[in-house]
mmCIF file of all heavy atoms, coordinates in Angstrom:
data_MODEL
# 
_entry.id   MODEL 
# 
loop_
_atom_site.group_PDB 
_atom_site.id 
_atom_site.type_symbol 
_atom_site.label_atom_id 
_atom_site.label_alt_id 
_atom_site.label_comp_id 
_atom_site.label_asym_id 
_atom_site.label_entity_id 
_atom_site.label_seq_id 
_atom_site.pdbx_PDB_ins_code 
_atom_site.Cartn_x 
_atom_site.Cartn_y 
_atom_site.Cartn_z 
_atom_site.occupancy 
_atom_site.B_iso_or_equiv 
_atom_site.pdbx_formal_charge 
_atom_site.auth_seq_id 
_atom_site.auth_comp_id 
_atom_site.auth_asym_id 
_atom_site.auth_atom_id 
_atom_site.pdbx_PDB_model_num 
ATOM 1   N N   . SER A 1 1  ? 0.844   -1.134  0.043  1.00 0.00 ? 1  SER A N   1 
ATOM 2   C CA  . SER A 1 1  ? -0.106  0.001   0.072  1.00 0.00 ? 1  SER A CA  1 
ATOM 3   C C   . SER A 1 1  ? 0.864   1.251   0.007  1.00 0.00 ? 1  SER A C   1 
ATOM 4   O O   . SER A 1 1  ? 2.039   1.293   0.522  1.00 0.00 ? 1  SER A O   1 
ATOM 5   C CB  . SER A 1 1  ? -0.936  0.016   1.261  1.00 0.00 ? 1  SER A CB  1 
ATOM 6   O OG  . SER A 1 1  ? -1.867  -0.987  1.087  1.00 0.00 ? 1  SER A OG  1 
ATOM 7   N N   . LEU A 1 2  ? 0.338   2.366   -0.561 1.00 0.00 ? 2  LEU A N   1 
ATOM 8   C CA  . LEU A 1 2  ? 0.974   3.606   -0.613 1.00 0.00 ? 2  LEU A CA  1 
ATOM 9   C C   . LEU A 1 2  ? 1.287   4.248   0.694  1.00 0.00 ? 2  LEU A C   1 
ATOM 10  O O   . LEU A 1 2  ? 2.441   4.743   0.858  1.00 0.00 ? 2  LEU A O   1 
ATOM 11  C CB  . LEU A 1 2  ? 0.287   4.493   -1.584 1.00 0.00 ? 2  LEU A CB  1 
ATOM 12  C CG  . LEU A 1 2  ? 0.788   5.905   -1.743 1.00 0.00 ? 2  LEU A CG  1 
ATOM 13  C CD1 . LEU A 1 2  ? 2.157   5.922   -2.376 1.00 0.00 ? 2  LEU A CD1 1 
ATOM 14  C CD2 . LEU A 1 2  ? -0.155  6.760   -2.660 1.00 0.00 ? 2  LEU A CD2 1 
ATOM 15  N N   . CYS A 1 3  ? 0.313   4.385   1.520  1.00 0.00 ? 3  CYS A N   1 
ATOM 16  C CA  . CYS A 1 3  ? 0.486   5.189   2.708  1.00 0.00 ? 3  CYS A CA  1 
ATOM 17  C C   . CYS A 1 3  ? 0.178   4.385   3.977  1.00 0.00 ? 3  CYS A C   1 
ATOM 18  O O   . CYS A 1 3  ? -0.148  3.218   3.950  1.00 0.00 ? 3  CYS A O   1 
ATOM 19  C CB  . CYS A 1 3  ? -0.445  6.406   2.716  1.00 0.00 ? 3  CYS A CB  1 
ATOM 20  S SG  . CYS A 1 3  ? -2.135  6.175   3.177  1.00 0.00 ? 3  CYS A SG  1 
ATOM 21  N N   . GLY A 1 4  ? 0.273   5.030   5.144  1.00 0.00 ? 4  GLY A N   1 
ATOM 22  C CA  . GLY A 1 4  ? 0.096   4.383   6.430  1.00 0.00 ? 4  GLY A CA  1 
ATOM 23  C C   . GLY A 1 4  ? -1.245  3.786   6.612  1.00 0.00 ? 4  GLY A C   1 
ATOM 24  O O   . GLY A 1 4  ? -1.381  2.807   7.301  1.00 0.00 ? 4  GLY A O   1 
ATOM 25  N N   . LEU A 1 5  ? -2.308  4.368   6.024  1.00 0.00 ? 5  LEU A N   1 
ATOM 26  C CA  . LEU A 1 5  ? -3.600  3.777   6.229  1.00 0.00 ? 5  LEU A CA  1 
ATOM 27  C C   . LEU A 1 5  ? -3.644  2.300   5.750  1.00 0.00 ? 5  LEU A C   1 
ATOM 28  O O   . LEU A 1 5  ? -4.074  1.377   6.437  1.00 0.00 ? 5  LEU A O   1 
ATOM 29  C CB  . LEU A 1 5  ? -4.646  4.501   5.535  1.00 0.00 ? 5  LEU A CB  1 
ATOM 30  C CG  . LEU A 1 5  ? -6.111  4.250   5.757  1.00 0.00 ? 5  LEU A CG  1 
ATOM 31  C CD1 . LEU A 1 5  ? -7.040  5.429   5.590  1.00 0.00 ? 5  LEU A CD1 1 
ATOM 32  C CD2 . LEU A 1 5  ? -6.713  3.073   4.935  1.00 0.00 ? 5  LEU A CD2 1 
ATOM 33  N N   . GLY A 1 6  ? -3.236  2.121   4.472  1.00 0.00 ? 6  GLY A N   1 
ATOM 34  C CA  . GLY A 1 6  ? -3.293  0.731   3.964  1.00 0.00 ? 6  GLY A CA  1 
ATOM 35  C C   . GLY A 1 6  ? -2.185  -0.191  4.529  1.00 0.00 ? 6  GLY A C   1 
ATOM 36  O O   . GLY A 1 6  ? -2.451  -1.396  4.764  1.00 0.00 ? 6  GLY A O   1 
ATOM 37  N N   . GLN A 1 7  ? -0.978  0.440   4.844  1.00 0.00 ? 7  GLN A N   1 
ATOM 38  C CA  . GLN A 1 7  ? 0.048   -0.396  5.392  1.00 0.00 ? 7  GLN A CA  1 
ATOM 39  C C   . GLN A 1 7  ? -0.249  -0.903  6.815  1.00 0.00 ? 7  GLN A C   1 
ATOM 40  O O   . GLN A 1 7  ? 0.221   -1.905  7.141  1.00 0.00 ? 7  GLN A O   1 
ATOM 41  C CB  . GLN A 1 7  ? 1.315   0.429   5.437  1.00 0.00 ? 7  GLN A CB  1 
ATOM 42  C CG  . GLN A 1 7  ? 1.880   0.798   4.017  1.00 0.00 ? 7  GLN A CG  1 
ATOM 43  C CD  . GLN A 1 7  ? 2.906   1.932   4.135  1.00 0.00 ? 7  GLN A CD  1 
ATOM 44  O OE1 . GLN A 1 7  ? 3.345   2.454   5.180  1.00 0.00 ? 7  GLN A OE1 1 
ATOM 45  N NE2 . GLN A 1 7  ? 3.363   2.394   2.972  1.00 0.00 ? 7  GLN A NE2 1 
ATOM 46  N N   . SER A 1 8  ? -1.050  -0.204  7.497  1.00 0.00 ? 8  SER A N   1 
ATOM 47  C CA  . SER A 1 8  ? -1.395  -0.595  8.881  1.00 0.00 ? 8  SER A CA  1 
ATOM 48  C C   . SER A 1 8  ? -2.835  -1.221  9.005  1.00 0.00 ? 8  SER A C   1 
ATOM 49  O O   . SER A 1 8  ? -3.192  -1.711  10.110 1.00 0.00 ? 8  SER A O   1 
ATOM 50  C CB  . SER A 1 8  ? -1.289  0.570   9.820  1.00 0.00 ? 8  SER A CB  1 
ATOM 51  O OG  . SER A 1 8  ? -2.147  1.607   9.479  1.00 0.00 ? 8  SER A OG  1 
ATOM 52  N N   . ALA A 1 9  ? -3.571  -1.141  7.906  1.00 0.00 ? 9  ALA A N   1 
ATOM 53  C CA  . ALA A 1 9  ? -4.982  -1.598  8.012  1.00 0.00 ? 9  ALA A CA  1 
ATOM 54  C C   . ALA A 1 9  ? -5.035  -3.147  8.443  1.00 0.00 ? 9  ALA A C   1 
ATOM 55  O O   . ALA A 1 9  ? -5.951  -3.495  9.144  1.00 0.00 ? 9  ALA A O   1 
ATOM 56  C CB  . ALA A 1 9  ? -5.636  -1.400  6.642  1.00 0.00 ? 9  ALA A CB  1 
ATOM 57  N N   . PRO A 1 10 ? -4.088  -3.960  8.019  1.00 0.00 ? 10 PRO A N   1 
ATOM 58  C CA  . PRO A 1 10 ? -4.186  -5.381  8.433  1.00 0.00 ? 10 PRO A CA  1 
ATOM 59  C C   . PRO A 1 10 ? -3.906  -5.608  9.909  1.00 0.00 ? 10 PRO A C   1 
ATOM 60  O O   . PRO A 1 10 ? -4.052  -6.729  10.404 1.00 0.00 ? 10 PRO A O   1 
ATOM 61  C CB  . PRO A 1 10 ? -3.252  -6.143  7.548  1.00 0.00 ? 10 PRO A CB  1 
ATOM 62  C CG  . PRO A 1 10 ? -2.952  -5.181  6.412  1.00 0.00 ? 10 PRO A CG  1 
ATOM 63  C CD  . PRO A 1 10 ? -3.058  -3.801  6.964  1.00 0.00 ? 10 PRO A CD  1 
ATOM 64  N N   . ASN A 1 11 ? -3.335  -4.663  10.608 1.00 0.00 ? 11 ASN A N   1 
ATOM 65  C CA  . ASN A 1 11 ? -2.849  -4.864  12.001 1.00 0.00 ? 11 ASN A CA  1 
ATOM 66  C C   . ASN A 1 11 ? -3.892  -5.490  12.943 1.00 0.00 ? 11 ASN A C   1 
ATOM 67  O O   . ASN A 1 11 ? -3.504  -6.459  13.666 1.00 0.00 ? 11 ASN A O   1 
ATOM 68  C CB  . ASN A 1 11 ? -2.265  -3.565  12.567 1.00 0.00 ? 11 ASN A CB  1 
ATOM 69  C CG  . ASN A 1 11 ? -0.934  -3.246  12.040 1.00 0.00 ? 11 ASN A CG  1 
ATOM 70  O OD1 . ASN A 1 11 ? -0.327  -4.054  11.217 1.00 0.00 ? 11 ASN A OD1 1 
ATOM 71  N ND2 . ASN A 1 11 ? -0.406  -2.113  12.329 1.00 0.00 ? 11 ASN A ND2 1 
ATOM 72  N N   . PRO A 1 12 ? -5.133  -5.019  12.954 1.00 0.00 ? 12 PRO A N   1 
ATOM 73  C CA  . PRO A 1 12 ? -6.067  -5.610  13.874 1.00 0.00 ? 12 PRO A CA  1 
ATOM 74  C C   . PRO A 1 12 ? -6.317  -7.106  13.574 1.00 0.00 ? 12 PRO A C   1 
ATOM 75  O O   . PRO A 1 12 ? -6.585  -7.884  14.482 1.00 0.00 ? 12 PRO A O   1 
ATOM 76  C CB  . PRO A 1 12 ? -7.375  -4.804  13.638 1.00 0.00 ? 12 PRO A CB  1 
ATOM 77  C CG  . PRO A 1 12 ? -6.873  -3.408  13.280 1.00 0.00 ? 12 PRO A CG  1 
ATOM 78  C CD  . PRO A 1 12 ? -5.650  -3.775  12.384 1.00 0.00 ? 12 PRO A CD  1 
ATOM 79  N N   . ILE A 1 13 ? -6.186  -7.382  12.270 1.00 0.00 ? 13 ILE A N   1 
ATOM 80  C CA  . ILE A 1 13 ? -6.500  -8.779  11.863 1.00 0.00 ? 13 ILE A CA  1 
ATOM 81  C C   . ILE A 1 13 ? -5.267  -9.679  12.310 1.00 0.00 ? 13 ILE A C   1 
ATOM 82  O O   . ILE A 1 13 ? -5.398  -10.747 12.943 1.00 0.00 ? 13 ILE A O   1 
ATOM 83  C CB  . ILE A 1 13 ? -6.710  -8.975  10.348 1.00 0.00 ? 13 ILE A CB  1 
ATOM 84  C CG1 . ILE A 1 13 ? -7.893  -8.228  9.878  1.00 0.00 ? 13 ILE A CG1 1 
ATOM 85  C CG2 . ILE A 1 13 ? -6.767  -10.426 9.982  1.00 0.00 ? 13 ILE A CG2 1 
ATOM 86  C CD1 . ILE A 1 13 ? -8.130  -8.223  8.370  1.00 0.00 ? 13 ILE A CD1 1 
ATOM 87  N N   . LEU A 1 14 ? -4.103  -9.145  12.080 1.00 0.00 ? 14 LEU A N   1 
ATOM 88  C CA  . LEU A 1 14 ? -2.876  -9.882  12.346 1.00 0.00 ? 14 LEU A CA  1 
ATOM 89  C C   . LEU A 1 14 ? -2.737  -10.096 13.888 1.00 0.00 ? 14 LEU A C   1 
ATOM 90  O O   . LEU A 1 14 ? -2.405  -11.190 14.301 1.00 0.00 ? 14 LEU A O   1 
ATOM 91  C CB  . LEU A 1 14 ? -1.674  -9.247  11.824 1.00 0.00 ? 14 LEU A CB  1 
ATOM 92  C CG  . LEU A 1 14 ? -1.588  -9.208  10.338 1.00 0.00 ? 14 LEU A CG  1 
ATOM 93  C CD1 . LEU A 1 14 ? -0.451  -8.185  9.899  1.00 0.00 ? 14 LEU A CD1 1 
ATOM 94  C CD2 . LEU A 1 14 ? -1.345  -10.555 9.718  1.00 0.00 ? 14 LEU A CD2 1 
ATOM 95  N N   . SER A 1 15 ? -3.055  -9.134  14.691 1.00 0.00 ? 15 SER A N   1 
ATOM 96  C CA  . SER A 1 15 ? -2.931  -9.244  16.194 1.00 0.00 ? 15 SER A CA  1 
ATOM 97  C C   . SER A 1 15 ? -4.077  -10.184 16.695 1.00 0.00 ? 15 SER A C   1 
ATOM 98  O O   . SER A 1 15 ? -3.716  -10.835 17.576 1.00 0.00 ? 15 SER A O   1 
ATOM 99  C CB  . SER A 1 15 ? -3.015  -7.883  16.817 1.00 0.00 ? 15 SER A CB  1 
ATOM 100 O OG  . SER A 1 15 ? -4.271  -7.219  16.617 1.00 0.00 ? 15 SER A OG  1 
ATOM 101 N N   . THR A 1 16 ? -5.181  -10.096 16.169 1.00 0.00 ? 16 THR A N   1 
ATOM 102 C CA  . THR A 1 16 ? -6.284  -11.017 16.656 1.00 0.00 ? 16 THR A CA  1 
ATOM 103 C C   . THR A 1 16 ? -5.983  -12.502 16.236 1.00 0.00 ? 16 THR A C   1 
ATOM 104 O O   . THR A 1 16 ? -6.297  -13.444 16.993 1.00 0.00 ? 16 THR A O   1 
ATOM 105 C CB  . THR A 1 16 ? -7.706  -10.597 16.199 1.00 0.00 ? 16 THR A CB  1 
ATOM 106 O OG1 . THR A 1 16 ? -7.625  -10.325 14.802 1.00 0.00 ? 16 THR A OG1 1 
ATOM 107 C CG2 . THR A 1 16 ? -8.089  -9.280  16.911 1.00 0.00 ? 16 THR A CG2 1 
ATOM 108 N N   . LEU A 1 17 ? -5.431  -12.676 15.036 1.00 0.00 ? 17 LEU A N   1 
ATOM 109 C CA  . LEU A 1 17 ? -4.993  -14.027 14.636 1.00 0.00 ? 17 LEU A CA  1 
ATOM 110 C C   . LEU A 1 17 ? -3.887  -14.576 15.544 1.00 0.00 ? 17 LEU A C   1 
ATOM 111 O O   . LEU A 1 17 ? -3.798  -15.694 15.844 1.00 0.00 ? 17 LEU A O   1 
ATOM 112 C CB  . LEU A 1 17 ? -4.557  -14.042 13.189 1.00 0.00 ? 17 LEU A CB  1 
ATOM 113 C CG  . LEU A 1 17 ? -5.660  -13.954 12.141 1.00 0.00 ? 17 LEU A CG  1 
ATOM 114 C CD1 . LEU A 1 17 ? -5.064  -13.717 10.786 1.00 0.00 ? 17 LEU A CD1 1 
ATOM 115 C CD2 . LEU A 1 17 ? -6.460  -15.265 12.168 1.00 0.00 ? 17 LEU A CD2 1 
ATOM 116 N N   . ARG A 1 18 ? -3.029  -13.674 15.953 1.00 0.00 ? 18 ARG A N   1 
ATOM 117 C CA  . ARG A 1 18 ? -1.837  -13.975 16.723 1.00 0.00 ? 18 ARG A CA  1 
ATOM 118 C C   . ARG A 1 18 ? -2.257  -14.414 18.093 1.00 0.00 ? 18 ARG A C   1 
ATOM 119 O O   . ARG A 1 18 ? -1.714  -15.415 18.686 1.00 0.00 ? 18 ARG A O   1 
ATOM 120 C CB  . ARG A 1 18 ? -0.868  -12.839 16.839 1.00 0.00 ? 18 ARG A CB  1 
ATOM 121 C CG  . ARG A 1 18 ? 0.389   -13.081 17.724 1.00 0.00 ? 18 ARG A CG  1 
ATOM 122 C CD  . ARG A 1 18 ? 1.259   -11.798 17.673 1.00 0.00 ? 18 ARG A CD  1 
ATOM 123 N NE  . ARG A 1 18 ? 2.391   -11.931 18.559 1.00 0.00 ? 18 ARG A NE  1 
ATOM 124 C CZ  . ARG A 1 18 ? 3.268   -10.971 18.757 1.00 0.00 ? 18 ARG A CZ  1 
ATOM 125 N NH1 . ARG A 1 18 ? 3.193   -9.861  18.045 1.00 0.00 ? 18 ARG A NH1 1 
ATOM 126 N NH2 . ARG A 1 18 ? 4.220   -11.092 19.615 1.00 0.00 ? 18 ARG A NH2 1 
ATOM 127 N N   . TYR A 1 19 ? -3.223  -13.637 18.724 1.00 0.00 ? 19 TYR A N   1 
ATOM 128 C CA  . TYR A 1 19 ? -3.555  -14.019 20.153 1.00 0.00 ? 19 TYR A CA  1 
ATOM 129 C C   . TYR A 1 19 ? -4.926  -14.618 20.358 1.00 0.00 ? 19 TYR A C   1 
ATOM 130 O O   . TYR A 1 19 ? -5.170  -15.220 21.392 1.00 0.00 ? 19 TYR A O   1 
ATOM 131 C CB  . TYR A 1 19 ? -3.537  -12.646 20.889 1.00 0.00 ? 19 TYR A CB  1 
ATOM 132 C CG  . TYR A 1 19 ? -2.195  -11.919 21.039 1.00 0.00 ? 19 TYR A CG  1 
ATOM 133 C CD1 . TYR A 1 19 ? -1.956  -10.723 20.318 1.00 0.00 ? 19 TYR A CD1 1 
ATOM 134 C CD2 . TYR A 1 19 ? -1.172  -12.592 21.640 1.00 0.00 ? 19 TYR A CD2 1 
ATOM 135 C CE1 . TYR A 1 19 ? -0.725  -10.097 20.435 1.00 0.00 ? 19 TYR A CE1 1 
ATOM 136 C CE2 . TYR A 1 19 ? 0.069   -11.896 21.690 1.00 0.00 ? 19 TYR A CE2 1 
ATOM 137 C CZ  . TYR A 1 19 ? 0.309   -10.647 21.081 1.00 0.00 ? 19 TYR A CZ  1 
ATOM 138 O OH  . TYR A 1 19 ? 1.515   -10.104 21.153 1.00 0.00 ? 19 TYR A OH  1 
ATOM 139 N N   . PHE A 1 20 ? -5.774  -14.547 19.371 1.00 0.00 ? 20 PHE A N   1 
ATOM 140 C CA  . PHE A 1 20 ? -7.199  -15.019 19.502 1.00 0.00 ? 20 PHE A CA  1 
ATOM 141 C C   . PHE A 1 20 ? -7.616  -15.937 18.306 1.00 0.00 ? 20 PHE A C   1 
ATOM 142 O O   . PHE A 1 20 ? -8.712  -15.744 17.799 1.00 0.00 ? 20 PHE A O   1 
ATOM 143 C CB  . PHE A 1 20 ? -8.168  -13.862 19.662 1.00 0.00 ? 20 PHE A CB  1 
ATOM 144 C CG  . PHE A 1 20 ? -7.755  -12.923 20.800 1.00 0.00 ? 20 PHE A CG  1 
ATOM 145 C CD1 . PHE A 1 20 ? -7.064  -11.722 20.534 1.00 0.00 ? 20 PHE A CD1 1 
ATOM 146 C CD2 . PHE A 1 20 ? -7.979  -13.249 22.092 1.00 0.00 ? 20 PHE A CD2 1 
ATOM 147 C CE1 . PHE A 1 20 ? -6.695  -10.892 21.558 1.00 0.00 ? 20 PHE A CE1 1 
ATOM 148 C CE2 . PHE A 1 20 ? -7.588  -12.426 23.143 1.00 0.00 ? 20 PHE A CE2 1 
ATOM 149 C CZ  . PHE A 1 20 ? -6.924  -11.191 22.897 1.00 0.00 ? 20 PHE A CZ  1 
ATOM 150 N N   . ARG A 1 21 ? -6.658  -16.706 17.871 1.00 0.00 ? 21 ARG A N   1 
ATOM 151 C CA  . ARG A 1 21 ? -6.903  -17.565 16.644 1.00 0.00 ? 21 ARG A CA  1 
ATOM 152 C C   . ARG A 1 21 ? -8.109  -18.435 16.915 1.00 0.00 ? 21 ARG A C   1 
ATOM 153 O O   . ARG A 1 21 ? -8.851  -18.846 16.043 1.00 0.00 ? 21 ARG A O   1 
ATOM 154 C CB  . ARG A 1 21 ? -5.658  -18.316 16.305 1.00 0.00 ? 21 ARG A CB  1 
ATOM 155 C CG  . ARG A 1 21 ? -5.706  -18.927 14.850 1.00 0.00 ? 21 ARG A CG  1 
ATOM 156 C CD  . ARG A 1 21 ? -4.399  -19.688 14.617 1.00 0.00 ? 21 ARG A CD  1 
ATOM 157 N NE  . ARG A 1 21 ? -4.256  -19.908 13.157 1.00 0.00 ? 21 ARG A NE  1 
ATOM 158 C CZ  . ARG A 1 21 ? -3.722  -19.021 12.225 1.00 0.00 ? 21 ARG A CZ  1 
ATOM 159 N NH1 . ARG A 1 21 ? -3.265  -17.861 12.694 1.00 0.00 ? 21 ARG A NH1 1 
ATOM 160 N NH2 . ARG A 1 21 ? -3.640  -19.307 11.074 1.00 0.00 ? 21 ARG A NH2 1 
ATOM 161 N N   . ASP A 1 22 ? -8.279  -18.882 18.154 1.00 0.00 ? 22 ASP A N   1 
ATOM 162 C CA  . ASP A 1 22 ? -9.389  -19.817 18.523 1.00 0.00 ? 22 ASP A CA  1 
ATOM 163 C C   . ASP A 1 22 ? -10.804 -19.094 18.138 1.00 0.00 ? 22 ASP A C   1 
ATOM 164 O O   . ASP A 1 22 ? -11.663 -19.904 17.821 1.00 0.00 ? 22 ASP A O   1 
ATOM 165 C CB  . ASP A 1 22 ? -9.356  -20.140 19.956 1.00 0.00 ? 22 ASP A CB  1 
ATOM 166 C CG  . ASP A 1 22 ? -8.199  -21.120 20.311 1.00 0.00 ? 22 ASP A CG  1 
ATOM 167 O OD1 . ASP A 1 22 ? -7.667  -21.727 19.268 1.00 0.00 ? 22 ASP A OD1 1 
ATOM 168 O OD2 . ASP A 1 22 ? -7.906  -21.339 21.510 1.00 0.00 ? 22 ASP A OD2 1 
ATOM 169 N N   . ASP A 1 23 ? -10.896 -17.843 18.263 1.00 0.00 ? 23 ASP A N   1 
ATOM 170 C CA  . ASP A 1 23 ? -12.139 -17.209 17.918 1.00 0.00 ? 23 ASP A CA  1 
ATOM 171 C C   . ASP A 1 23 ? -12.414 -17.469 16.386 1.00 0.00 ? 23 ASP A C   1 
ATOM 172 O O   . ASP A 1 23 ? -13.575 -17.562 15.995 1.00 0.00 ? 23 ASP A O   1 
ATOM 173 C CB  . ASP A 1 23 ? -12.068 -15.681 18.274 1.00 0.00 ? 23 ASP A CB  1 
ATOM 174 C CG  . ASP A 1 23 ? -12.135 -15.436 19.673 1.00 0.00 ? 23 ASP A CG  1 
ATOM 175 O OD1 . ASP A 1 23 ? -11.985 -16.317 20.458 1.00 0.00 ? 23 ASP A OD1 1 
ATOM 176 O OD2 . ASP A 1 23 ? -12.494 -14.258 19.978 1.00 0.00 ? 23 ASP A OD2 1 
ATOM 177 N N   . TYR A 1 24 ? -11.406 -17.382 15.581 1.00 0.00 ? 24 TYR A N   1 
ATOM 178 C CA  . TYR A 1 24 ? -11.573 -17.679 14.144 1.00 0.00 ? 24 TYR A CA  1 
ATOM 179 C C   . TYR A 1 24 ? -11.920 -19.138 13.925 1.00 0.00 ? 24 TYR A C   1 
ATOM 180 O O   . TYR A 1 24 ? -12.828 -19.451 13.195 1.00 0.00 ? 24 TYR A O   1 
ATOM 181 C CB  . TYR A 1 24 ? -10.329 -17.288 13.375 1.00 0.00 ? 24 TYR A CB  1 
ATOM 182 C CG  . TYR A 1 24 ? -10.059 -15.804 13.244 1.00 0.00 ? 24 TYR A CG  1 
ATOM 183 C CD1 . TYR A 1 24 ? -9.413  -15.056 14.296 1.00 0.00 ? 24 TYR A CD1 1 
ATOM 184 C CD2 . TYR A 1 24 ? -10.393 -15.026 12.176 1.00 0.00 ? 24 TYR A CD2 1 
ATOM 185 C CE1 . TYR A 1 24 ? -9.211  -13.760 14.191 1.00 0.00 ? 24 TYR A CE1 1 
ATOM 186 C CE2 . TYR A 1 24 ? -10.071 -13.693 12.025 1.00 0.00 ? 24 TYR A CE2 1 
ATOM 187 C CZ  . TYR A 1 24 ? -9.550  -13.062 13.059 1.00 0.00 ? 24 TYR A CZ  1 
ATOM 188 O OH  . TYR A 1 24 ? -9.318  -11.721 12.922 1.00 0.00 ? 24 TYR A OH  1 
ATOM 189 N N   . LEU A 1 25 ? -11.108 -19.925 14.546 1.00 0.00 ? 25 LEU A N   1 
ATOM 190 C CA  . LEU A 1 25 ? -11.298 -21.437 14.357 1.00 0.00 ? 25 LEU A CA  1 
ATOM 191 C C   . LEU A 1 25 ? -12.616 -21.925 14.749 1.00 0.00 ? 25 LEU A C   1 
ATOM 192 O O   . LEU A 1 25 ? -13.174 -22.832 14.150 1.00 0.00 ? 25 LEU A O   1 
ATOM 193 C CB  . LEU A 1 25 ? -10.093 -22.215 15.048 1.00 0.00 ? 25 LEU A CB  1 
ATOM 194 C CG  . LEU A 1 25 ? -8.673  -21.927 14.437 1.00 0.00 ? 25 LEU A CG  1 
ATOM 195 C CD1 . LEU A 1 25 ? -7.694  -22.616 15.317 1.00 0.00 ? 25 LEU A CD1 1 
ATOM 196 C CD2 . LEU A 1 25 ? -8.646  -22.424 12.979 1.00 0.00 ? 25 LEU A CD2 1 
ATOM 197 N N   . ALA A 1 26 ? -13.157 -21.303 15.828 1.00 0.00 ? 26 ALA A N   1 
ATOM 198 C CA  . ALA A 1 26 ? -14.427 -21.781 16.368 1.00 0.00 ? 26 ALA A CA  1 
ATOM 199 C C   . ALA A 1 26 ? -15.511 -21.427 15.343 1.00 0.00 ? 26 ALA A C   1 
ATOM 200 O O   . ALA A 1 26 ? -16.543 -22.303 15.128 1.00 0.00 ? 26 ALA A O   1 
ATOM 201 C CB  . ALA A 1 26 ? -14.767 -20.985 17.642 1.00 0.00 ? 26 ALA A CB  1 
ATOM 202 N N   . LEU A 1 27 ? -15.390 -20.312 14.594 1.00 0.00 ? 27 LEU A N   1 
ATOM 203 C CA  . LEU A 1 27 ? -16.478 -20.039 13.582 1.00 0.00 ? 27 LEU A CA  1 
ATOM 204 C C   . LEU A 1 27 ? -16.323 -20.924 12.402 1.00 0.00 ? 27 LEU A C   1 
ATOM 205 O O   . LEU A 1 27 ? -17.321 -21.285 11.790 1.00 0.00 ? 27 LEU A O   1 
ATOM 206 C CB  . LEU A 1 27 ? -16.353 -18.528 13.210 1.00 0.00 ? 27 LEU A CB  1 
ATOM 207 C CG  . LEU A 1 27 ? -16.652 -17.548 14.344 1.00 0.00 ? 27 LEU A CG  1 
ATOM 208 C CD1 . LEU A 1 27 ? -16.257 -16.134 13.926 1.00 0.00 ? 27 LEU A CD1 1 
ATOM 209 C CD2 . LEU A 1 27 ? -18.134 -17.620 14.598 1.00 0.00 ? 27 LEU A CD2 1 
# 
């Protein structure tokens, strides 16, 4: 991505996958 908005947009997904993967796997 060109700017900080796109470059950091995945952060909430990546951090929740890192620490709360079970929430994804349960669904």
